[in-house]
Amino acid sequence: MPQHLHHLTRRHLLLAAGGSALPSVWAQASAPWAEVEKAARGQTVYWNAWAGSEQTNAYLQWVAQQVKSAHGITLQHVKITDTADVVKRVRAEKAAGRAAGEGTVDLVWINGENFPAMKREGLLFGPWAEALPHFRWVDTAGKPTTLNDFSVPTEGMESPWGMAQFTLFADSKRLPQPPQSMQALLALARSQPGRITHPRLPDFHGTTFIKQALVEFAPDRQALAKPVTDAAFAAQTAPLWPFLDALRPHLWRGGKQFPLNAAAVRQMMADGELLLALTFNPNEAANEIAAKRLPATVVSWQFEKGTIGNTHFVAIPYNARARAGAQVVANFLLSPAAQARKADIAHWGDPTVLDVARLPAPERALFGTGQLPGLVKNPAPTLPEPHASWVDPLEKAWAQRYGA
């Protein structure tokens, strides 16, 4: 899609055509941004990013082609399995006294479990994200998690590039009435023992399943948005453990074993061993149907009162060598062309962070419409993640109780 790549002149024309005034942040950033683009040309950007999906890897390769042709940037995908390893590396580099421009990581695909630590320990460059030219299209009002990562304000230290929300999917032939809450899921498990489970913690999807239950049953959800204390943990998890105790004997293999990850759960659902699967990408089932790995009778849904959702981001370590190049890549990731391709289930199916309705008509047209098999028909409210500090004690408490 080279014709849709957005240079400054193209953006000005579009904005003029749409009658939109340039925001002050754009007016302030336009001159420096030209300098950032100039400095980025010829740089090699080492992007440390999860590599567990063929579609994701292919998308990153496409991004590399686009930034190479448009900006002369060489983008190297450093494939990782756990972002925590990147945090350890940058932390070690800081401890060794590596200054700005002396690091091995230029850009990192980061999540809410790792962002607070990097922010707190001074391991990030910034603020920079909200000065990106394409940030003006981010739906910060409708998608507040674009400015808050696991209840920690981003403050321009990371740039959003995709949305996620806890979603379940099942074959409607086997499960015509999907459960609409954790309590309903418990009732289903009791009626169909051994046919529901979740990944073993600390797998991300397993932890998210437990967090969803925590949010649903917590006496005071506002307490979950604050850093955890022993007293708050005891009070807010008090209703969680009886629920999990009641659920466990009805899980797959009596809750004595758990699948390693969500992909395993999905395959077990596809094989008919389980009734339902879980994901953090609302479009995953549609992706699988399009790839003919799941039947078109599979439906996706979110609990009617809401499910946990968040935004995923990219960040720049404090000592990045290609700081300018990393910013240009992050800005491209926010372009309507890049966001539309990523949202397309033919390529990835990762929901956009942009406010599509505000885009100029040519950019808006890039985003497909229509109801494909497997897509969520009635999106539910997005419930905020608990503060990042809740994750570790939650996983440890679960392991002590149920870690088979």
Protein backbone atom coordinates (compact mmCIF):
# COMPACT_ATOMS: atom_id res chain seq x y z
CA MET A 1 0.00 0.00 0.00
CA PRO A 2 2.71 2.55 -0.77
CA GLN A 3 0.13 5.04 -2.03
CA HIS A 4 -1.30 5.21 1.48
CA LEU A 5 1.95 6.00 3.27
CA HIS A 6 1.65 9.33 5.00
CA HIS A 7 4.32 11.96 4.53
CA LEU A 8 3.97 15.44 5.96
CA THR A 9 2.75 16.95 2.68
CA ARG A 10 0.15 14.22 2.26
CA ARG A 11 -1.10 14.79 5.80
CA HIS A 12 -1.45 18.53 5.30
CA LEU A 13 -3.46 17.97 2.12
CA LEU A 14 -5.76 15.50 3.85
CA LEU A 15 -6.28 17.76 6.83
CA ALA A 16 -7.03 20.71 4.59
CA ALA A 17 -9.49 18.63 2.59
CA GLY A 18 -11.20 17.52 5.78
CA GLY A 19 -11.37 21.05 7.11
CA SER A 20 -9.61 20.03 10.33
CA ALA A 21 -7.41 22.48 12.16
CA LEU A 22 -3.97 21.27 13.14
CA PRO A 23 -3.75 20.73 16.91
CA SER A 24 -1.17 22.64 18.88
CA VAL A 25 0.89 19.51 19.44
CA TRP A 26 1.20 19.11 15.66
CA ALA A 27 2.12 22.76 15.19
CA GLN A 28 4.80 22.43 17.85
CA ALA A 29 6.10 19.09 16.59
CA SER A 30 6.08 19.67 12.83
CA ALA A 31 9.51 21.28 12.55
CA PRO A 32 11.26 18.94 15.00
CA TRP A 33 9.51 15.98 13.34
CA ALA A 34 11.16 16.79 10.01
CA GLU A 35 14.47 16.67 11.88
CA VAL A 36 13.55 13.34 13.46
CA GLU A 37 12.76 11.89 10.02
CA LYS A 38 16.05 13.21 8.65
CA ALA A 39 18.03 11.71 11.54
CA ALA A 40 16.20 8.39 11.14
CA ARG A 41 17.22 7.89 7.53
CA GLY A 42 19.84 5.19 7.26
CA GLN A 43 19.40 3.95 10.82
CA THR A 44 18.90 0.30 11.79
CA VAL A 45 16.14 -0.18 14.37
CA TYR A 46 16.30 -3.33 16.49
CA TRP A 47 12.70 -4.04 17.48
CA ASN A 48 12.35 -6.63 20.22
CA ALA A 49 8.89 -8.10 19.70
CA TRP A 50 7.00 -11.28 20.49
CA ALA A 51 7.27 -13.77 17.65
CA GLY A 52 4.69 -16.40 18.57
CA SER A 53 2.38 -15.87 15.60
CA GLU A 54 3.03 -16.28 11.89
CA GLN A 55 0.57 -13.49 11.13
CA THR A 56 2.29 -11.13 13.56
CA ASN A 57 5.71 -11.91 12.13
CA ALA A 58 4.45 -11.39 8.57
CA TYR A 59 2.94 -8.05 9.56
CA LEU A 60 6.21 -6.90 11.09
CA GLN A 61 8.00 -7.88 7.87
CA TRP A 62 5.53 -5.73 5.93
CA VAL A 63 6.20 -2.81 8.30
CA ALA A 64 9.92 -3.28 7.69
CA GLN A 65 9.38 -3.05 3.92
CA GLN A 66 7.30 0.12 4.26
CA VAL A 67 9.70 2.03 6.54
CA LYS A 68 12.62 0.96 4.36
CA SER A 69 11.06 2.33 1.18
CA ALA A 70 9.58 5.48 2.75
CA HIS A 71 12.25 6.43 5.30
CA GLY A 72 15.41 4.44 4.52
CA ILE A 73 15.16 2.65 7.87
CA THR A 74 16.30 -0.96 8.28
CA LEU A 75 13.93 -2.59 10.76
CA GLN A 76 15.21 -5.79 12.38
CA HIS A 77 12.66 -7.94 14.22
CA VAL A 78 14.48 -9.40 17.22
CA LYS A 79 12.19 -12.31 18.04
CA ILE A 80 11.44 -12.82 21.72
CA THR A 81 9.14 -15.06 23.75
CA ASP A 82 8.98 -12.99 26.95
CA THR A 83 9.24 -9.22 27.24
CA ALA A 84 10.56 -9.64 30.79
CA ASP A 85 13.84 -10.84 29.23
CA VAL A 86 14.17 -7.49 27.43
CA VAL A 87 13.56 -5.62 30.69
CA LYS A 88 16.34 -7.64 32.34
CA ARG A 89 18.72 -6.84 29.48
CA VAL A 90 18.07 -3.08 29.55
CA ARG A 91 18.33 -3.12 33.35
CA ALA A 92 21.69 -4.89 33.11
CA GLU A 93 22.89 -2.36 30.54
CA LYS A 94 21.98 0.50 32.87
CA ALA A 95 23.75 -1.21 35.76
CA ALA A 96 26.83 -1.54 33.52
CA GLY A 97 26.74 2.21 32.86
CA ARG A 98 25.65 2.14 29.23
CA ALA A 99 24.61 5.67 28.32
CA ALA A 100 22.18 7.00 25.70
CA GLY A 101 23.04 5.60 22.28
CA GLU A 102 24.86 2.57 23.71
CA GLY A 103 21.99 0.10 24.06
CA THR A 104 21.10 -3.05 22.13
CA VAL A 105 17.32 -2.44 22.01
CA ASP A 106 15.80 0.43 20.01
CA LEU A 107 12.10 -0.43 20.23
CA VAL A 108 10.22 -2.94 22.37
CA TRP A 109 6.68 -4.30 22.10
CA ILE A 110 5.76 -3.88 25.73
CA ASN A 111 2.88 -4.90 27.96
CA GLY A 112 1.39 -3.64 31.18
CA GLU A 113 3.24 -6.16 33.30
CA ASN A 114 6.62 -4.73 32.24
CA PHE A 115 5.95 -1.05 31.51
CA PRO A 116 5.63 0.10 35.15
CA ALA A 117 9.00 -1.42 36.08
CA MET A 118 10.79 0.17 33.11
CA LYS A 119 9.12 3.52 33.78
CA ARG A 120 9.87 3.43 37.50
CA GLU A 121 13.52 2.41 37.03
CA GLY A 122 14.26 5.08 34.42
CA LEU A 123 14.78 2.52 31.66
CA LEU A 124 12.69 4.39 29.08
CA PHE A 125 13.26 7.35 26.78
CA GLY A 126 10.56 9.99 26.81
CA PRO A 127 8.10 11.52 26.83
CA TRP A 128 7.79 11.29 23.03
CA ALA A 129 4.67 9.34 22.04
CA GLU A 130 2.07 12.11 22.10
CA ALA A 131 4.24 14.30 19.85
CA LEU A 132 4.09 11.75 17.02
CA PRO A 133 2.21 13.24 14.03
CA HIS A 134 -0.22 10.32 13.81
CA PHE A 135 -0.99 10.31 17.54
CA ARG A 136 -3.69 12.92 16.82
CA TRP A 137 -5.92 10.12 15.44
CA VAL A 138 -5.68 7.93 18.56
CA ASP A 139 -9.05 7.47 20.25
CA THR A 140 -7.93 8.57 23.71
CA ALA A 141 -11.52 9.42 24.74
CA GLY A 142 -13.24 6.23 23.57
CA LYS A 143 -10.28 3.99 24.41
CA PRO A 144 -8.84 5.42 27.64
CA THR A 145 -6.41 2.51 28.01
CA THR A 146 -4.38 4.18 25.22
CA LEU A 147 -3.19 6.55 27.99
CA ASN A 148 -3.20 4.09 30.90
CA ASP A 149 -1.36 0.78 30.92
CA PHE A 150 -2.63 -1.56 33.65
CA SER A 151 -3.84 1.54 35.52
CA VAL A 152 -0.39 3.22 35.22
CA PRO A 153 -0.43 6.53 33.26
CA THR A 154 1.73 6.26 30.15
CA GLU A 155 2.72 9.96 30.21
CA GLY A 156 4.08 9.79 26.67
CA MET A 157 6.61 7.06 27.50
CA GLU A 158 5.05 4.47 25.17
CA SER A 159 2.98 4.63 21.99
CA PRO A 160 -0.22 2.59 21.54
CA TRP A 161 -0.56 0.36 18.50
CA GLY A 162 -3.26 -2.25 19.19
CA MET A 163 -6.31 -3.01 21.33
CA ALA A 164 -7.16 -6.18 23.18
CA GLN A 165 -10.11 -7.45 25.20
CA PHE A 166 -10.81 -10.73 26.96
CA THR A 167 -13.06 -12.69 24.62
CA LEU A 168 -14.43 -16.23 24.55
CA PHE A 169 -15.35 -18.32 21.52
CA ALA A 170 -17.12 -21.61 20.96
CA ASP A 171 -18.87 -23.68 18.30
CA SER A 172 -22.50 -22.59 18.46
CA LYS A 173 -23.54 -26.15 17.51
CA ARG A 174 -22.08 -27.44 20.77
CA LEU A 175 -22.76 -24.37 22.92
CA PRO A 176 -25.88 -22.55 21.70
CA GLN A 177 -26.14 -20.39 24.86
CA PRO A 178 -22.75 -18.95 25.81
CA PRO A 179 -22.25 -18.03 29.49
CA GLN A 180 -22.47 -14.27 30.12
CA SER A 181 -20.53 -14.07 33.39
CA MET A 182 -18.08 -16.03 35.51
CA GLN A 183 -20.99 -17.24 37.64
CA ALA A 184 -22.74 -18.55 34.53
CA LEU A 185 -19.51 -20.19 33.44
CA LEU A 186 -19.39 -22.01 36.78
CA ALA A 187 -22.94 -23.25 36.24
CA LEU A 188 -21.96 -24.49 32.76
CA ALA A 189 -18.90 -26.27 34.16
CA ARG A 190 -21.07 -28.03 36.72
CA SER A 191 -23.45 -29.20 34.01
CA GLN A 192 -20.64 -30.21 31.62
CA PRO A 193 -17.75 -31.34 33.84
CA GLY A 194 -14.30 -31.63 32.29
CA ARG A 195 -15.11 -29.50 29.26
CA ILE A 196 -13.88 -26.09 30.44
CA THR A 197 -10.41 -24.95 31.47
CA HIS A 198 -7.88 -22.14 31.18
CA PRO A 199 -4.12 -22.06 30.67
CA ARG A 200 -1.84 -22.66 33.60
CA LEU A 201 -0.60 -19.48 35.27
CA PRO A 202 1.63 -17.51 34.76
CA ASP A 203 0.63 -17.85 31.11
CA PHE A 204 -0.84 -14.46 30.14
CA HIS A 205 -4.26 -15.84 29.17
CA GLY A 206 -4.47 -17.94 32.33
CA THR A 207 -3.68 -14.91 34.46
CA THR A 208 -6.26 -12.87 32.53
CA PHE A 209 -8.93 -15.50 33.23
CA ILE A 210 -8.22 -15.18 36.98
CA LYS A 211 -8.12 -11.38 36.77
CA GLN A 212 -11.50 -11.38 35.02
CA ALA A 213 -12.94 -13.35 37.92
CA LEU A 214 -11.22 -11.02 40.40
CA VAL A 215 -12.75 -7.94 38.74
CA GLU A 216 -16.22 -9.51 38.63
CA PHE A 217 -16.23 -10.53 42.29
CA ALA A 218 -14.15 -7.78 43.94
CA PRO A 219 -16.11 -5.86 46.62
CA ASP A 220 -14.44 -2.58 45.54
CA ARG A 221 -13.17 -2.42 41.95
CA GLN A 222 -11.63 1.00 42.54
CA ALA A 223 -9.22 -0.61 44.99
CA LEU A 224 -7.88 -2.73 42.13
CA ALA A 225 -6.71 0.40 40.28
CA LYS A 226 -4.30 1.26 43.12
CA PRO A 227 -0.97 -0.35 43.99
CA VAL A 228 -1.60 -3.58 45.87
CA THR A 229 -1.22 -3.85 49.64
CA ASP A 230 -1.56 -6.97 51.77
CA ALA A 231 -4.80 -5.68 53.27
CA ALA A 232 -6.30 -4.74 49.90
CA PHE A 233 -5.27 -8.08 48.40
CA ALA A 234 -6.92 -10.00 51.22
CA ALA A 235 -10.12 -7.97 51.01
CA GLN A 236 -10.53 -7.94 47.23
CA THR A 237 -9.61 -11.59 46.62
CA ALA A 238 -11.80 -12.90 49.46
CA PRO A 239 -14.72 -13.79 47.10
CA LEU A 240 -12.36 -15.01 44.34
CA TRP A 241 -11.00 -18.11 46.09
CA PRO A 242 -14.40 -19.65 46.94
CA PHE A 243 -15.38 -19.22 43.28
CA LEU A 244 -12.18 -20.89 42.03
CA ASP A 245 -12.53 -23.63 44.67
CA ALA A 246 -16.04 -24.34 43.39
CA LEU A 247 -14.92 -24.27 39.75
CA ARG A 248 -11.80 -26.40 40.02
CA PRO A 249 -13.28 -29.92 40.38
CA HIS A 250 -15.42 -29.35 37.27
CA LEU A 251 -12.53 -28.24 35.08
CA TRP A 252 -10.71 -30.39 32.53
CA ARG A 253 -8.94 -33.24 34.35
CA GLY A 254 -10.50 -32.09 37.61
CA GLY A 255 -8.34 -28.97 37.67
CA LYS A 256 -5.29 -31.11 38.47
CA GLN A 257 -3.64 -30.16 35.19
CA PHE A 258 -3.88 -27.10 32.98
CA PRO A 259 -2.96 -26.55 29.30
CA LEU A 260 0.23 -24.57 28.73
CA ASN A 261 -1.31 -21.76 26.66
CA ALA A 262 -4.36 -20.40 24.86
CA ALA A 263 -3.34 -22.07 21.58
CA ALA A 264 -3.61 -25.46 23.28
CA VAL A 265 -7.04 -24.56 24.67
CA ARG A 266 -8.16 -23.43 21.20
CA GLN A 267 -7.04 -26.72 19.64
CA MET A 268 -8.83 -28.72 22.33
CA MET A 269 -11.98 -26.71 21.64
CA ALA A 270 -11.60 -27.31 17.89
CA ASP A 271 -11.23 -31.05 18.56
CA GLY A 272 -14.41 -31.08 20.66
CA GLU A 273 -12.60 -31.91 23.90
CA LEU A 274 -13.47 -28.52 25.38
CA LEU A 275 -16.60 -26.40 24.98
CA LEU A 276 -14.97 -23.01 24.72
CA ALA A 277 -11.68 -21.20 24.23
CA LEU A 278 -10.40 -17.82 25.34
CA THR A 279 -8.35 -15.07 23.74
CA PHE A 280 -7.32 -11.46 24.20
CA ASN A 281 -7.87 -10.67 20.52
CA PRO A 282 -11.60 -10.24 19.76
CA ASN A 283 -10.87 -11.15 16.12
CA GLU A 284 -8.99 -14.39 16.75
CA ALA A 285 -11.89 -16.73 15.96
CA ALA A 286 -12.63 -14.82 12.76
CA ASN A 287 -8.94 -15.19 11.84
CA GLU A 288 -9.09 -18.93 12.46
CA ILE A 289 -12.31 -19.29 10.46
CA ALA A 290 -10.82 -17.33 7.56
CA ALA A 291 -7.79 -19.65 7.65
CA LYS A 292 -10.18 -22.65 7.67
CA ARG A 293 -8.82 -23.89 10.99
CA LEU A 294 -12.19 -23.42 12.69
CA PRO A 295 -15.71 -23.95 11.29
CA ALA A 296 -17.90 -20.95 10.41
CA THR A 297 -20.30 -21.96 13.20
CA VAL A 298 -17.82 -20.68 15.82
CA VAL A 299 -19.02 -17.51 17.57
CA SER A 300 -17.18 -15.01 19.78
CA TRP A 301 -18.59 -13.10 22.72
CA GLN A 302 -17.72 -11.04 25.78
CA PHE A 303 -19.57 -11.16 29.09
CA GLU A 304 -22.51 -8.76 28.89
CA LYS A 305 -21.36 -6.62 31.84
CA GLY A 306 -17.88 -6.30 30.38
CA THR A 307 -14.49 -7.98 30.17
CA ILE A 308 -10.95 -6.85 30.90
CA GLY A 309 -9.34 -4.95 28.07
CA ASN A 310 -6.15 -3.05 27.46
CA THR A 311 -3.89 -1.54 24.84
CA HIS A 312 -0.54 -2.83 23.73
CA PHE A 313 2.29 -0.40 23.12
CA VAL A 314 5.79 0.14 21.83
CA ALA A 315 8.43 1.87 23.93
CA ILE A 316 11.99 3.12 23.42
CA PRO A 317 14.67 2.24 26.00
CA TYR A 318 16.63 5.14 27.51
CA ASN A 319 19.84 4.02 25.76
CA ALA A 320 18.47 3.23 22.28
CA ARG A 321 20.98 3.76 19.49
CA ALA A 322 18.37 4.49 16.81
CA ARG A 323 16.10 6.76 18.85
CA ALA A 324 14.95 8.76 15.82
CA GLY A 325 14.34 5.67 13.73
CA ALA A 326 12.33 4.08 16.53
CA GLN A 327 10.06 7.13 16.69
CA VAL A 328 9.49 7.08 12.93
CA VAL A 329 8.60 3.37 13.08
CA ALA A 330 6.19 4.02 15.98
CA ASN A 331 4.58 6.84 14.01
CA PHE A 332 4.16 4.57 10.99
CA LEU A 333 2.51 1.95 13.22
CA LEU A 334 -0.12 4.60 14.06
CA SER A 335 -0.75 5.55 10.42
CA PRO A 336 -4.23 4.71 9.10
CA ALA A 337 -2.65 2.48 6.45
CA ALA A 338 -0.73 0.43 9.00
CA GLN A 339 -3.62 0.31 11.48
CA ALA A 340 -6.11 -0.74 8.78
CA ARG A 341 -3.88 -3.54 7.55
CA LYS A 342 -3.35 -4.76 11.11
CA ALA A 343 -7.11 -4.71 11.78
CA ASP A 344 -7.81 -6.71 8.62
CA ILE A 345 -8.28 -10.38 9.58
CA ALA A 346 -6.62 -11.36 6.31
CA HIS A 347 -3.38 -9.97 7.76
CA TRP A 348 -3.69 -9.99 11.55
CA GLY A 349 -7.08 -8.87 12.87
CA ASP A 350 -5.74 -6.75 15.73
CA PRO A 351 -8.24 -4.00 16.66
CA THR A 352 -7.18 -0.42 15.93
CA VAL A 353 -6.32 2.24 18.50
CA LEU A 354 -7.53 4.99 16.16
CA ASP A 355 -10.84 6.84 16.16
CA VAL A 356 -11.83 5.72 12.66
CA ALA A 357 -14.84 8.05 12.56
CA ARG A 358 -12.54 11.08 12.83
CA LEU A 359 -10.28 10.07 9.97
CA PRO A 360 -10.49 11.86 6.61
CA ALA A 361 -12.65 9.92 4.12
CA PRO A 362 -9.78 8.33 2.13
CA GLU A 363 -8.22 6.98 5.33
CA ARG A 364 -11.55 5.88 6.79
CA ALA A 365 -12.21 3.86 3.64
CA LEU A 366 -9.16 1.71 4.39
CA PHE A 367 -11.01 0.11 7.30
CA GLY A 368 -13.35 -2.64 6.15
CA THR A 369 -16.85 -2.98 7.49
CA GLY A 370 -19.26 -5.86 7.68
CA GLN A 371 -19.89 -8.82 9.95
CA LEU A 372 -17.57 -11.71 9.18
CA PRO A 373 -18.09 -15.15 10.74
CA GLY A 374 -16.55 -15.36 14.18
CA LEU A 375 -16.48 -11.65 14.98
CA VAL A 376 -17.99 -10.36 18.23
CA LYS A 377 -21.52 -9.23 17.36
CA ASN A 378 -22.23 -7.29 20.54
CA PRO A 379 -19.02 -5.79 21.96
CA ALA A 380 -19.21 -5.46 25.73
CA PRO A 381 -17.81 -2.66 27.88
CA THR A 382 -14.06 -2.74 28.48
CA LEU A 383 -13.23 -3.20 32.14
CA PRO A 384 -9.88 -1.70 33.24
CA GLU A 385 -7.02 -3.98 34.19
CA PRO A 386 -6.08 -4.12 37.86
CA HIS A 387 -2.94 -2.13 38.67
CA ALA A 388 0.13 -3.98 37.42
CA SER A 389 1.30 -4.64 40.99
CA TRP A 390 -1.60 -7.08 41.51
CA VAL A 391 -0.32 -9.58 38.94
CA ASP A 392 2.60 -11.09 40.85
CA PRO A 393 0.79 -11.74 44.17
CA LEU A 394 -2.23 -13.07 42.27
CA GLU A 395 -0.11 -15.56 40.32
CA LYS A 396 1.77 -16.64 43.45
CA ALA A 397 -1.43 -17.13 45.46
CA TRP A 398 -2.95 -19.15 42.60
CA ALA A 399 0.16 -21.33 42.33
CA GLN A 400 0.10 -22.03 46.07
CA ARG A 401 -3.53 -23.10 45.92
CA TYR A 402 -3.87 -24.79 42.54
CA GLY A 403 -0.45 -25.18 40.96
CA ALA A 404 -0.57 -28.85 40.07
